[in-house]
Amino acid sequence: MDMIKQVFLGFIKIHILYHSSKEPIYGAEIARELARHGYHISFGTLYPTLHSLEEDSLLTSYQKIVNGKKRKNIKLQKKAKKLLKRSGGK
């Protein structure tokens, strides 16, 4: 992965952590929020990024039923709060 993509992905990860620190998030919602900030990424990039943050124990996910459909909500873990604070994100 080239340097520009790595930096771009780093900004996206910080945004994801920041927004998940405010309230639980889900994929489509965070995609809209990222787009609002100028980060237009595909779900093919977003979901692997969310999974990697979960594998790194920065996020945790749980199933929730919304309007009769299963939705995977994501929330910040304590480890990520420290990382986010160090990054200047909160």
Protein backbone atom coordinates (compact mmCIF):
# COMPACT_ATOMS: atom_id res chain seq x y z
CA MET A 1 0.00 0.00 0.00
CA ASP A 2 1.45 3.36 -0.95
CA MET A 3 2.05 6.15 1.56
CA ILE A 4 -0.92 8.31 0.46
CA LYS A 5 -3.35 5.41 0.90
CA GLN A 6 -1.89 4.64 4.33
CA VAL A 7 -2.31 8.25 5.48
CA PHE A 8 -5.83 8.42 4.03
CA LEU A 9 -6.78 5.18 5.80
CA GLY A 10 -5.29 6.55 9.03
CA PHE A 11 -7.56 9.60 8.86
CA ILE A 12 -10.54 7.36 8.21
CA LYS A 13 -9.69 5.19 11.21
CA ILE A 14 -9.42 8.24 13.48
CA HIS A 15 -12.82 9.46 12.23
CA ILE A 16 -14.35 6.05 12.89
CA LEU A 17 -12.91 5.93 16.39
CA TYR A 18 -14.02 9.49 17.10
CA HIS A 19 -17.62 8.94 15.99
CA SER A 20 -17.85 5.60 17.79
CA SER A 21 -16.69 7.37 20.96
CA LYS A 22 -19.82 9.54 20.82
CA GLU A 23 -22.32 6.72 20.34
CA PRO A 24 -22.53 3.24 18.80
CA ILE A 25 -22.29 3.36 15.01
CA TYR A 26 -23.09 1.03 12.12
CA GLY A 27 -21.63 0.68 8.63
CA ALA A 28 -24.04 2.70 6.49
CA GLU A 29 -24.21 5.47 9.08
CA ILE A 30 -20.44 5.86 9.35
CA ALA A 31 -20.12 5.74 5.54
CA ARG A 32 -22.49 8.73 5.32
CA GLU A 33 -20.62 10.56 8.07
CA LEU A 34 -17.26 9.95 6.40
CA ALA A 35 -18.69 11.18 3.08
CA ARG A 36 -19.90 14.32 4.84
CA HIS A 37 -16.26 14.95 5.77
CA GLY A 38 -15.08 14.30 2.22
CA TYR A 39 -14.02 10.65 2.63
CA HIS A 40 -15.88 8.75 -0.10
CA ILE A 41 -14.95 5.10 0.39
CA SER A 42 -16.59 1.92 -0.78
CA PHE A 43 -18.13 -0.62 1.56
CA GLY A 44 -15.39 -2.92 0.26
CA THR A 45 -12.89 -0.66 2.03
CA LEU A 46 -15.04 0.37 4.99
CA TYR A 47 -16.00 -3.05 6.30
CA PRO A 48 -12.48 -4.52 6.24
CA THR A 49 -11.32 -1.36 8.05
CA LEU A 50 -14.00 -1.83 10.72
CA HIS A 51 -13.04 -5.51 11.04
CA SER A 52 -9.35 -4.66 11.44
CA LEU A 53 -10.18 -2.12 14.18
CA GLU A 54 -12.21 -4.81 15.90
CA GLU A 55 -9.38 -7.35 15.54
CA ASP A 56 -7.03 -4.78 17.11
CA SER A 57 -9.44 -4.60 20.11
CA LEU A 58 -10.26 -0.95 19.41
CA LEU A 59 -13.92 -1.58 18.52
CA THR A 60 -16.43 -4.18 19.56
CA SER A 61 -19.61 -5.12 17.72
CA TYR A 62 -22.97 -6.51 18.71
CA GLN A 63 -26.20 -7.39 16.92
CA LYS A 64 -29.28 -5.21 17.33
CA ILE A 65 -32.72 -5.57 15.77
CA VAL A 66 -33.87 -2.31 14.14
CA ASN A 67 -37.18 -2.22 12.28
CA GLY A 68 -37.22 -6.02 12.22
CA LYS A 69 -33.75 -6.30 10.66
CA LYS A 70 -30.45 -7.32 12.20
CA ARG A 71 -27.91 -4.53 12.38
CA LYS A 72 -24.34 -4.80 13.57
CA ASN A 73 -23.62 -1.89 15.89
CA ILE A 74 -20.07 -0.95 16.76
CA LYS A 75 -18.79 0.79 19.86
CA LEU A 76 -15.44 1.99 21.10
CA GLN A 77 -13.38 -0.06 23.55
CA LYS A 78 -11.40 1.49 26.42
CA LYS A 79 -8.09 0.81 24.67
CA ALA A 80 -9.25 2.99 21.77
CA LYS A 81 -10.19 5.89 24.06
CA LYS A 82 -6.55 6.19 25.10
CA LEU A 83 -5.35 5.96 21.50
CA LEU A 84 -7.89 8.55 20.37
CA LYS A 85 -6.84 10.93 23.13
CA ARG A 86 -3.17 10.56 22.17
CA SER A 87 -4.04 11.28 18.53
CA GLY A 88 -5.71 14.56 19.46
CA GLY A 89 -9.10 13.23 18.39
CA LYS A 90 -10.64 13.80 21.84
